[in-house]
Amino acid sequence: MKLKKIKRFFDKLEDRVRSKLSHYPILYALIGGIGIILFWRGIWHLADDINVSSVASIIIGTIILLITGVFVSAFIGSRLIISGLIGEEKMAEKVEEEVATEETQIKNLQDTLNRVEKQLAHLEEDIHKN
């Protein structure tokens, strides 16, 4: 019961912090980067304290990453793999195309709005004439 309360507290805390930090992406990245570095620094010191050799570290680390399925996604990212498998364009190219598409859609909406305004103006003139 007490473990559930602790879990719920940290879950809600995480939601609040992520919600606030998402408005400040540079600060969010900075804080996240510091957390990651401190975490790995602790792991590094722990490995040093228990005298794990470099070769053993590589072998143990690789086995852990392979067993958990994190090895590939940690180094090249799952989005990159998926986009390659389904033949998508690079993310930068896709973003450029999306921007161009949005610009075209906005221009079309502006043209439609201009036509509607002209039609309303003509209707108002007709109403005032009668």
C-alpha atoms as a PDB file:
ATOM      1  CA  MET A   1       0.000   0.000   0.000  1.00  0.00           C
ATOM      2  CA  LYS A   2       2.765   2.437   0.942  1.00  0.00           C
ATOM      3  CA  LEU A   3       4.695   1.504  -2.219  1.00  0.00           C
ATOM      4  CA  LYS A   4       1.663   2.434  -4.350  1.00  0.00           C
ATOM      5  CA  LYS A   5       1.484   5.879  -2.714  1.00  0.00           C
ATOM      6  CA  ILE A   6       5.167   6.477  -3.338  1.00  0.00           C
ATOM      7  CA  LYS A   7       4.836   5.353  -6.962  1.00  0.00           C
ATOM      8  CA  ARG A   8       1.774   7.566  -7.485  1.00  0.00           C
ATOM      9  CA  PHE A   9       3.543  10.564  -5.900  1.00  0.00           C
ATOM     10  CA  PHE A  10       6.541  10.257  -8.221  1.00  0.00           C
ATOM     11  CA  ASP A  11       4.301   9.587 -11.219  1.00  0.00           C
ATOM     12  CA  LYS A  12       2.353  12.796 -10.584  1.00  0.00           C
ATOM     13  CA  LEU A  13       5.566  14.704  -9.875  1.00  0.00           C
ATOM     14  CA  GLU A  14       7.014  13.517 -13.188  1.00  0.00           C
ATOM     15  CA  ASP A  15       3.852  14.604 -15.044  1.00  0.00           C
ATOM     16  CA  ARG A  16       3.978  18.094 -13.476  1.00  0.00           C
ATOM     17  CA  VAL A  17       7.683  18.553 -14.131  1.00  0.00           C
ATOM     18  CA  ARG A  18       7.413  17.362 -17.759  1.00  0.00           C
ATOM     19  CA  SER A  19       4.412  19.633 -18.290  1.00  0.00           C
ATOM     20  CA  LYS A  20       6.299  22.687 -17.010  1.00  0.00           C
ATOM     21  CA  LEU A  21       9.614  21.904 -18.725  1.00  0.00           C
ATOM     22  CA  SER A  22       7.992  21.158 -22.093  1.00  0.00           C
ATOM     23  CA  HIS A  23       7.421  24.908 -22.455  1.00  0.00           C
ATOM     24  CA  TYR A  24      11.189  25.504 -22.153  1.00  0.00           C
ATOM     25  CA  PRO A  25      12.850  22.917 -24.430  1.00  0.00           C
ATOM     26  CA  ILE A  26      16.415  24.208 -24.018  1.00  0.00           C
ATOM     27  CA  LEU A  27      16.160  24.150 -20.227  1.00  0.00           C
ATOM     28  CA  TYR A  28      14.474  20.726 -20.456  1.00  0.00           C
ATOM     29  CA  ALA A  29      17.368  19.390 -22.569  1.00  0.00           C
ATOM     30  CA  LEU A  30      19.950  20.898 -20.220  1.00  0.00           C
ATOM     31  CA  ILE A  31      18.385  19.374 -17.099  1.00  0.00           C
ATOM     32  CA  GLY A  32      17.877  16.022 -18.865  1.00  0.00           C
ATOM     33  CA  GLY A  33      21.486  16.029 -20.071  1.00  0.00           C
ATOM     34  CA  ILE A  34      22.780  16.726 -16.567  1.00  0.00           C
ATOM     35  CA  GLY A  35      20.670  13.874 -15.210  1.00  0.00           C
ATOM     36  CA  ILE A  36      21.941  11.453 -17.840  1.00  0.00           C
ATOM     37  CA  ILE A  37      25.578  12.381 -17.244  1.00  0.00           C
ATOM     38  CA  LEU A  38      25.246  12.061 -13.468  1.00  0.00           C
ATOM     39  CA  PHE A  39      23.520   8.697 -13.849  1.00  0.00           C
ATOM     40  CA  TRP A  40      26.269   7.298 -16.121  1.00  0.00           C
ATOM     41  CA  ARG A  41      28.983   8.825 -13.942  1.00  0.00           C
ATOM     42  CA  GLY A  42      27.552   6.863 -11.011  1.00  0.00           C
ATOM     43  CA  ILE A  43      27.524   3.668 -13.062  1.00  0.00           C
ATOM     44  CA  TRP A  44      31.128   4.353 -14.124  1.00  0.00           C
ATOM     45  CA  HIS A  45      32.266   4.818 -10.529  1.00  0.00           C
ATOM     46  CA  LEU A  46      30.402   1.710  -9.420  1.00  0.00           C
ATOM     47  CA  ALA A  47      32.166  -0.324 -12.125  1.00  0.00           C
ATOM     48  CA  ASP A  48      35.498   1.147 -10.982  1.00  0.00           C
ATOM     49  CA  ASP A  49      34.754   0.314  -7.345  1.00  0.00           C
ATOM     50  CA  ILE A  50      34.028  -3.338  -8.106  1.00  0.00           C
ATOM     51  CA  ASN A  51      37.094  -3.550 -10.389  1.00  0.00           C
ATOM     52  CA  VAL A  52      35.353  -4.517 -13.607  1.00  0.00           C
ATOM     53  CA  SER A  53      37.875  -4.532 -16.465  1.00  0.00           C
ATOM     54  CA  SER A  54      37.218  -2.653 -19.721  1.00  0.00           C
ATOM     55  CA  VAL A  55      36.740  -5.863 -21.708  1.00  0.00           C
ATOM     56  CA  ALA A  56      34.377  -7.273 -19.085  1.00  0.00           C
ATOM     57  CA  SER A  57      32.449  -3.981 -19.076  1.00  0.00           C
ATOM     58  CA  ILE A  58      32.006  -4.121 -22.836  1.00  0.00           C
ATOM     59  CA  ILE A  59      30.913  -7.763 -22.768  1.00  0.00           C
ATOM     60  CA  ILE A  60      28.532  -7.383 -19.809  1.00  0.00           C
ATOM     61  CA  GLY A  61      27.119  -4.132 -21.192  1.00  0.00           C
ATOM     62  CA  THR A  62      26.561  -5.593 -24.647  1.00  0.00           C
ATOM     63  CA  ILE A  63      24.849  -8.682 -23.213  1.00  0.00           C
ATOM     64  CA  ILE A  64      22.554  -6.543 -21.037  1.00  0.00           C
ATOM     65  CA  LEU A  65      21.680  -4.276 -23.976  1.00  0.00           C
ATOM     66  CA  LEU A  66      21.042  -7.199 -26.311  1.00  0.00           C
ATOM     67  CA  ILE A  67      18.901  -9.108 -23.801  1.00  0.00           C
ATOM     68  CA  THR A  68      16.761  -6.056 -23.021  1.00  0.00           C
ATOM     69  CA  GLY A  69      16.425  -5.119 -26.695  1.00  0.00           C
ATOM     70  CA  VAL A  70      17.950  -1.693 -26.144  1.00  0.00           C
ATOM     71  CA  PHE A  71      21.221  -2.197 -28.049  1.00  0.00           C
ATOM     72  CA  VAL A  72      20.126  -1.085 -31.523  1.00  0.00           C
ATOM     73  CA  SER A  73      17.655   1.598 -30.474  1.00  0.00           C
ATOM     74  CA  ALA A  74      20.152   3.104 -28.026  1.00  0.00           C
ATOM     75  CA  PHE A  75      22.739   3.645 -30.730  1.00  0.00           C
ATOM     76  CA  ILE A  76      20.736   4.502 -33.837  1.00  0.00           C
ATOM     77  CA  GLY A  77      17.174   5.026 -32.632  1.00  0.00           C
ATOM     78  CA  SER A  78      14.024   3.112 -33.447  1.00  0.00           C
ATOM     79  CA  ARG A  79      12.559   5.956 -35.546  1.00  0.00           C
ATOM     80  CA  LEU A  80      15.556   5.821 -37.867  1.00  0.00           C
ATOM     81  CA  ILE A  81      15.182   2.057 -38.290  1.00  0.00           C
ATOM     82  CA  ILE A  82      11.432   2.236 -38.920  1.00  0.00           C
ATOM     83  CA  SER A  83      11.746   5.052 -41.451  1.00  0.00           C
ATOM     84  CA  GLY A  84      14.408   3.050 -43.313  1.00  0.00           C
ATOM     85  CA  LEU A  85      12.311  -0.107 -43.337  1.00  0.00           C
ATOM     86  CA  ILE A  86       9.222   1.579 -44.755  1.00  0.00           C
ATOM     87  CA  GLY A  87      11.235   3.706 -47.187  1.00  0.00           C
ATOM     88  CA  GLU A  88      10.433   7.096 -45.681  1.00  0.00           C
ATOM     89  CA  GLU A  89      12.523  10.131 -46.470  1.00  0.00           C
ATOM     90  CA  LYS A  90      14.988  11.568 -44.019  1.00  0.00           C
ATOM     91  CA  MET A  91      13.331  13.515 -41.227  1.00  0.00           C
ATOM     92  CA  ALA A  92      14.831  16.849 -42.397  1.00  0.00           C
ATOM     93  CA  GLU A  93      13.427  16.355 -45.912  1.00  0.00           C
ATOM     94  CA  LYS A  94      10.086  15.336 -44.513  1.00  0.00           C
ATOM     95  CA  VAL A  95       9.927  18.437 -42.343  1.00  0.00           C
ATOM     96  CA  GLU A  96      10.702  20.682 -45.345  1.00  0.00           C
ATOM     97  CA  GLU A  97       7.904  19.034 -47.335  1.00  0.00           C
ATOM     98  CA  GLU A  98       5.467  19.391 -44.439  1.00  0.00           C
ATOM     99  CA  VAL A  99       6.280  23.107 -44.138  1.00  0.00           C
ATOM    100  CA  ALA A 100       5.738  23.588 -47.874  1.00  0.00           C
ATOM    101  CA  THR A 101       2.436  21.693 -47.686  1.00  0.00           C
ATOM    102  CA  GLU A 102       1.280  23.801 -44.746  1.00  0.00           C
ATOM    103  CA  GLU A 103       2.219  27.008 -46.591  1.00  0.00           C
ATOM    104  CA  THR A 104       0.151  25.875 -49.579  1.00  0.00           C
ATOM    105  CA  GLN A 105      -2.796  25.022 -47.347  1.00  0.00           C
ATOM    106  CA  ILE A 106      -2.582  28.407 -45.613  1.00  0.00           C
ATOM    107  CA  LYS A 107      -2.473  30.200 -48.983  1.00  0.00           C
ATOM    108  CA  ASN A 108      -5.522  28.227 -50.151  1.00  0.00           C
ATOM    109  CA  LEU A 109      -7.380  29.110 -46.961  1.00  0.00           C
ATOM    110  CA  GLN A 110      -6.446  32.782 -47.376  1.00  0.00           C
ATOM    111  CA  ASP A 111      -7.726  32.741 -50.983  1.00  0.00           C
ATOM    112  CA  THR A 112     -10.981  31.136 -49.862  1.00  0.00           C
ATOM    113  CA  LEU A 113     -11.359  33.687 -47.081  1.00  0.00           C
ATOM    114  CA  ASN A 114     -10.787  36.542 -49.548  1.00  0.00           C
ATOM    115  CA  ARG A 115     -13.503  35.156 -51.880  1.00  0.00           C
ATOM    116  CA  VAL A 116     -15.938  34.823 -48.971  1.00  0.00           C
ATOM    117  CA  GLU A 117     -15.225  38.420 -47.906  1.00  0.00           C
ATOM    118  CA  LYS A 118     -15.880  39.671 -51.452  1.00  0.00           C
ATOM    119  CA  GLN A 119     -19.131  37.719 -51.624  1.00  0.00           C
ATOM    120  CA  LEU A 120     -20.220  39.154 -48.274  1.00  0.00           C
ATOM    121  CA  ALA A 121     -19.386  42.654 -49.439  1.00  0.00           C
ATOM    122  CA  HIS A 122     -21.512  42.150 -52.571  1.00  0.00           C
ATOM    123  CA  LEU A 123     -24.372  40.778 -50.476  1.00  0.00           C
ATOM    124  CA  GLU A 124     -24.183  43.775 -48.142  1.00  0.00           C
ATOM    125  CA  GLU A 125     -24.269  46.136 -51.141  1.00  0.00           C
ATOM    126  CA  ASP A 126     -27.321  44.319 -52.513  1.00  0.00           C
ATOM    127  CA  ILE A 127     -29.057  44.519 -49.129  1.00  0.00           C
ATOM    128  CA  HIS A 128     -28.365  48.268 -48.796  1.00  0.00           C
ATOM    129  CA  LYS A 129     -29.633  48.922 -52.374  1.00  0.00           C
ATOM    130  CA  ASN A 130     -32.963  47.277 -51.578  1.00  0.00           C
END
